[in-house]
Every structure is written in structure tokens, then in C-alpha cells.
Amino acid sequence: MIQSTDQLLFQYRHLKDPHHKIQALVKSGKLIPLKRELYETDPNVPGFVLANTILGPSYLSFEWALAYHGLIPERVEVYTSATFGIKKRKEFQNFFGIFTYQDIPKEVFPYYYNRVESDNRVALIAGKEKALCDQLCKLPPIRGLQDFSNYLFEGLRLDEEAFAALDRAKMRRIAPLYHKTNLKQLLRLLDSEEARQ
């Protein structure tokens, strides 16, 4: 269970020094620090269910979500999340792993992420199409269409069959909202593939 310093201070308000009690619980391992003034009580909880609470609003996306959906072959150790309005990338390291947060445009933030339950905990995770679009958003512009295709299937090692199975309508709906060269390139790639069919 996640607990904040304020909750703990209230819980131990009857003690003469509730701050000392919190420090003792941390030292004994009964409270595990997630970030300043935020703790977890269960050392066995999977890290991904903590990501949205450590910094929000956010949802898991980018490389972590691409791996989660089986779109890329690598196992991703860092919990990568999309957010908006934080201006610069943030990172938190704790007992459960490394958690990173990076902005995407506010206009596209509400689309296509899902609630996933694990041991009565809820995590918010980008859908396949959203995770790919978010990943492309954070990269420097890739100008040529061939270079863009090479990045997807050789650099990112995106599974070609999985890419072919993605919902084109979803990508076409959100790609323009990013206002990014790479998302325009994604639409061009979709157009060129459809023209060949």
C-alpha cells in the first residue's frame, strides 16, 4: 500500500515524535521510500503499478509499453511514462527500479491508454498505437522516409507483423495532434503501405 508522509503523520499523531517513527519504519524496511514523502509498504508489488503514483498524471508508455505489448524484442528495465506539463524529463530511482517521465503534447495525452489490474492495483498503460506514437514524439526528427522505416524496423526493432496489425485509424487520429515531423512520417509510411496494397 502506498502511503504519504501526511498520512503517516496523521496515523502516528498520538506519538510524541511521529517523524522518528517514520524513520524507524523506513530503517526496518516496513516503509520503502518511492520519492520524497511517498512510501510503499509491500516489497513484492510489481514496479509498474507504482509508476502512475510516483508522478502524475502519467501513464506507462515509450519503450516500456512497446516491450509490454510485444512490439519490440528487448526487455525494458526502466519504467518509462508519458506525462505533460513537467517541462523536462524526470527520473526517480528506488527499491523497485528506475522510473522516468517525459512530456508529450497535452492535446494527445487523454487518448488510448488502458487501466490494467495487478494484485488489486491499477496501472495506466498506453495502448500499442499510442506507445509507438509517444516513442516517435520524443525522438529528433527523422527526415527521409527510408531512414524513418529503417529506424522502426532496424533501430527500434519493431516487429513487422505486429506493426502491420496495429489499428491504423487510431494512429491517423492522434498523429497530427503531436505536431512532430516523426508523426508526419508515420502517416506517410502508412499512406505508402496502403498505396502498395
Protein backbone atom coordinates (compact mmCIF):
# COMPACT_ATOMS: atom_id res chain seq x y z
CA MET A 1 0.00 0.00 0.00
CA ILE A 2 1.21 3.49 -0.85
CA GLN A 3 1.34 5.98 1.97
CA SER A 4 2.35 9.64 2.07
CA THR A 5 4.18 11.41 4.86
CA ASP A 6 1.00 13.34 5.66
CA GLN A 7 -0.99 10.12 6.05
CA LEU A 8 1.68 8.63 8.29
CA LEU A 9 1.92 11.76 10.43
CA PHE A 10 -1.83 11.60 10.93
CA GLN A 11 -1.70 7.86 11.68
CA TYR A 12 1.01 8.38 14.32
CA ARG A 13 -0.24 11.73 15.62
CA HIS A 14 -0.63 10.27 19.12
CA LEU A 15 3.15 9.75 19.37
CA LYS A 16 5.48 12.41 20.76
CA ASP A 17 7.71 12.26 17.64
CA PRO A 18 5.85 10.76 14.63
CA HIS A 19 8.76 11.70 12.33
CA HIS A 20 11.05 9.43 14.35
CA LYS A 21 8.50 6.62 13.98
CA ILE A 22 8.50 7.05 10.18
CA GLN A 23 12.32 6.96 10.12
CA ALA A 24 12.28 3.78 12.21
CA LEU A 25 9.79 2.12 9.85
CA VAL A 26 11.99 3.02 6.88
CA LYS A 27 15.07 1.66 8.63
CA SER A 28 13.29 -1.61 9.44
CA GLY A 29 12.10 -1.99 5.82
CA LYS A 30 8.40 -1.69 6.67
CA LEU A 31 8.24 1.55 4.67
CA ILE A 32 10.04 1.66 1.33
CA PRO A 33 10.72 5.20 0.02
CA LEU A 34 9.48 5.81 -3.53
CA LYS A 35 10.37 9.50 -3.61
CA ARG A 36 10.35 12.35 -1.14
CA GLU A 37 7.37 11.94 1.23
CA LEU A 38 5.94 8.86 -0.55
CA TYR A 39 6.31 5.25 0.60
CA GLU A 40 5.25 1.72 -0.29
CA THR A 41 4.61 -0.98 2.33
CA ASP A 42 4.77 -4.10 0.11
CA PRO A 43 8.26 -5.04 -1.16
CA ASN A 44 6.76 -7.62 -3.55
CA VAL A 45 4.50 -5.30 -5.52
CA PRO A 46 5.45 -5.14 -9.23
CA GLY A 47 7.14 -1.84 -10.01
CA PHE A 48 4.93 -0.95 -12.94
CA VAL A 49 1.87 -0.46 -10.72
CA LEU A 50 3.72 2.30 -8.84
CA ALA A 51 4.66 4.41 -11.86
CA ASN A 52 1.45 6.45 -12.09
CA THR A 53 1.53 7.28 -8.38
CA ILE A 54 5.16 8.38 -8.21
CA LEU A 55 4.38 11.20 -10.65
CA GLY A 56 1.03 12.00 -12.18
CA PRO A 57 -0.92 12.45 -14.22
CA SER A 58 1.02 9.88 -16.20
CA TYR A 59 0.72 6.52 -17.93
CA LEU A 60 3.37 3.96 -18.87
CA SER A 61 4.45 4.38 -22.48
CA PHE A 62 7.51 4.64 -24.77
CA GLU A 63 9.92 1.67 -24.68
CA TRP A 64 8.40 0.02 -21.60
CA ALA A 65 4.91 -0.14 -23.12
CA LEU A 66 6.26 -1.23 -26.53
CA ALA A 67 8.00 -4.16 -24.80
CA TYR A 68 4.93 -4.88 -22.65
CA HIS A 69 2.82 -5.24 -25.82
CA GLY A 70 5.46 -7.37 -27.55
CA LEU A 71 6.19 -4.81 -30.27
CA ILE A 72 9.92 -4.81 -29.56
CA PRO A 73 12.00 -7.84 -28.54
CA GLU A 74 14.05 -6.30 -25.73
CA ARG A 75 13.01 -6.45 -22.10
CA VAL A 76 12.94 -2.88 -20.84
CA GLU A 77 14.13 -2.42 -17.26
CA VAL A 78 13.22 1.27 -16.90
CA TYR A 79 9.58 2.19 -16.27
CA THR A 80 9.06 4.88 -18.92
CA SER A 81 6.00 7.10 -18.56
CA ALA A 82 4.34 9.88 -20.55
CA THR A 83 3.08 12.99 -18.83
CA PHE A 84 2.52 16.65 -19.68
CA GLY A 85 3.44 19.99 -18.18
CA ILE A 86 6.57 18.88 -16.32
CA LYS A 87 8.77 20.67 -18.90
CA LYS A 88 11.84 18.48 -18.53
CA ARG A 89 12.44 14.76 -18.16
CA LYS A 90 12.28 13.50 -14.58
CA GLU A 91 13.78 10.37 -13.08
CA PHE A 92 13.28 8.60 -9.76
CA GLN A 93 15.33 5.64 -8.52
CA ASN A 94 14.16 3.49 -5.66
CA PHE A 95 13.99 -0.11 -4.42
CA PHE A 96 11.57 -1.04 -7.24
CA GLY A 97 13.62 0.33 -10.13
CA ILE A 98 14.13 3.41 -12.27
CA PHE A 99 11.09 5.48 -13.23
CA THR A 100 11.34 8.14 -15.94
CA TYR A 101 8.76 10.71 -17.02
CA GLN A 102 8.70 12.73 -20.22
CA ASP A 103 6.19 15.19 -21.64
CA ILE A 104 4.02 14.61 -24.66
CA PRO A 105 1.65 17.32 -26.01
CA LYS A 106 -1.27 17.91 -23.67
CA GLU A 107 -3.76 17.62 -26.58
CA VAL A 108 -2.86 13.98 -27.21
CA PHE A 109 -2.39 12.89 -23.59
CA PRO A 110 -6.00 11.68 -22.95
CA TYR A 111 -6.11 9.23 -25.86
CA TYR A 112 -5.66 5.46 -25.92
CA TYR A 113 -4.30 4.28 -22.62
CA ASN A 114 -5.80 1.49 -20.57
CA ARG A 115 -6.33 0.51 -16.94
CA VAL A 116 -4.55 -2.75 -16.15
CA GLU A 117 -5.10 -4.53 -12.83
CA SER A 118 -2.44 -6.49 -10.99
CA ASP A 119 -2.99 -7.80 -7.45
CA ASN A 120 -5.79 -5.30 -6.85
CA ARG A 121 -3.57 -2.45 -8.02
CA VAL A 122 -4.27 -0.42 -11.15
CA ALA A 123 -1.68 0.77 -13.67
CA LEU A 124 -2.32 3.02 -16.64
CA ILE A 125 -0.56 1.75 -19.77
CA ALA A 126 -0.54 3.19 -23.30
CA GLY A 127 -2.16 1.07 -25.98
CA LYS A 128 0.12 -0.25 -28.72
CA GLU A 129 -0.56 2.58 -31.16
CA LYS A 130 -0.19 5.27 -28.50
CA ALA A 131 3.08 3.83 -27.19
CA LEU A 132 4.57 3.91 -30.69
CA CYS A 133 3.38 7.46 -31.36
CA ASP A 134 4.74 8.63 -27.99
CA GLN A 135 8.09 6.99 -28.75
CA LEU A 136 8.31 8.77 -32.11
CA CYS A 137 7.35 12.07 -30.46
CA LYS A 138 10.38 12.13 -28.18
CA LEU A 139 12.97 11.47 -30.91
CA PRO A 140 14.84 14.03 -33.01
CA PRO A 141 13.25 14.44 -36.47
CA ILE A 142 13.96 11.66 -38.96
CA ARG A 143 13.71 13.32 -42.37
CA GLY A 144 13.78 10.65 -45.10
CA LEU A 145 11.01 8.07 -45.30
CA GLN A 146 13.54 5.27 -45.85
CA ASP A 147 15.54 6.42 -42.82
CA PHE A 148 12.30 6.53 -40.84
CA SER A 149 11.41 2.98 -41.88
CA ASN A 150 14.95 1.83 -41.03
CA TYR A 151 14.61 3.33 -37.56
CA LEU A 152 11.33 1.49 -36.92
CA PHE A 153 12.36 -1.95 -38.09
CA GLU A 154 16.14 -1.95 -37.54
CA GLY A 155 16.84 0.67 -34.88
CA LEU A 156 13.78 0.16 -32.68
CA ARG A 157 13.50 -3.46 -33.92
CA LEU A 158 9.74 -3.12 -34.20
CA ASP A 159 8.09 -6.43 -35.08
CA GLU A 160 6.83 -6.05 -38.66
CA GLU A 161 3.85 -8.36 -38.21
CA ALA A 162 2.85 -6.58 -35.02
CA PHE A 163 3.19 -3.22 -36.79
CA ALA A 164 1.01 -4.45 -39.66
CA ALA A 165 -1.66 -5.44 -37.11
CA LEU A 166 -1.81 -2.00 -35.45
CA ASP A 167 -5.03 -0.01 -35.68
CA ARG A 168 -4.34 2.48 -38.47
CA ALA A 169 -7.41 4.57 -37.64
CA LYS A 170 -6.13 5.22 -34.12
CA MET A 171 -2.72 6.32 -35.37
CA ARG A 172 -4.27 8.55 -38.03
CA ARG A 173 -6.48 10.15 -35.42
CA ILE A 174 -3.75 11.08 -32.93
CA ALA A 175 -0.60 11.54 -35.07
CA PRO A 176 -1.49 15.10 -36.18
CA LEU A 177 -2.02 16.17 -32.54
CA TYR A 178 1.70 15.77 -31.78
CA HIS A 179 2.77 18.41 -34.37
CA LYS A 180 6.03 16.50 -34.88
CA THR A 181 7.95 15.56 -38.03
CA ASN A 182 8.23 11.91 -36.99
CA LEU A 183 4.46 11.56 -36.66
CA LYS A 184 4.01 13.07 -40.11
CA GLN A 185 6.49 10.49 -41.35
CA LEU A 186 4.43 7.75 -39.72
CA LEU A 187 1.39 8.91 -41.69
CA ARG A 188 3.46 8.99 -44.88
CA LEU A 189 4.62 5.43 -44.21
CA LEU A 190 1.04 4.28 -43.67
CA ASP A 191 -0.01 6.01 -46.91
CA SER A 192 2.82 4.38 -48.88
CA GLU A 193 1.98 0.93 -47.49
CA GLU A 194 -1.70 1.33 -48.33
CA ALA A 195 -0.84 2.51 -51.85
CA ARG A 196 1.11 -0.72 -52.42
CA GLN A 197 -1.77 -2.96 -51.32
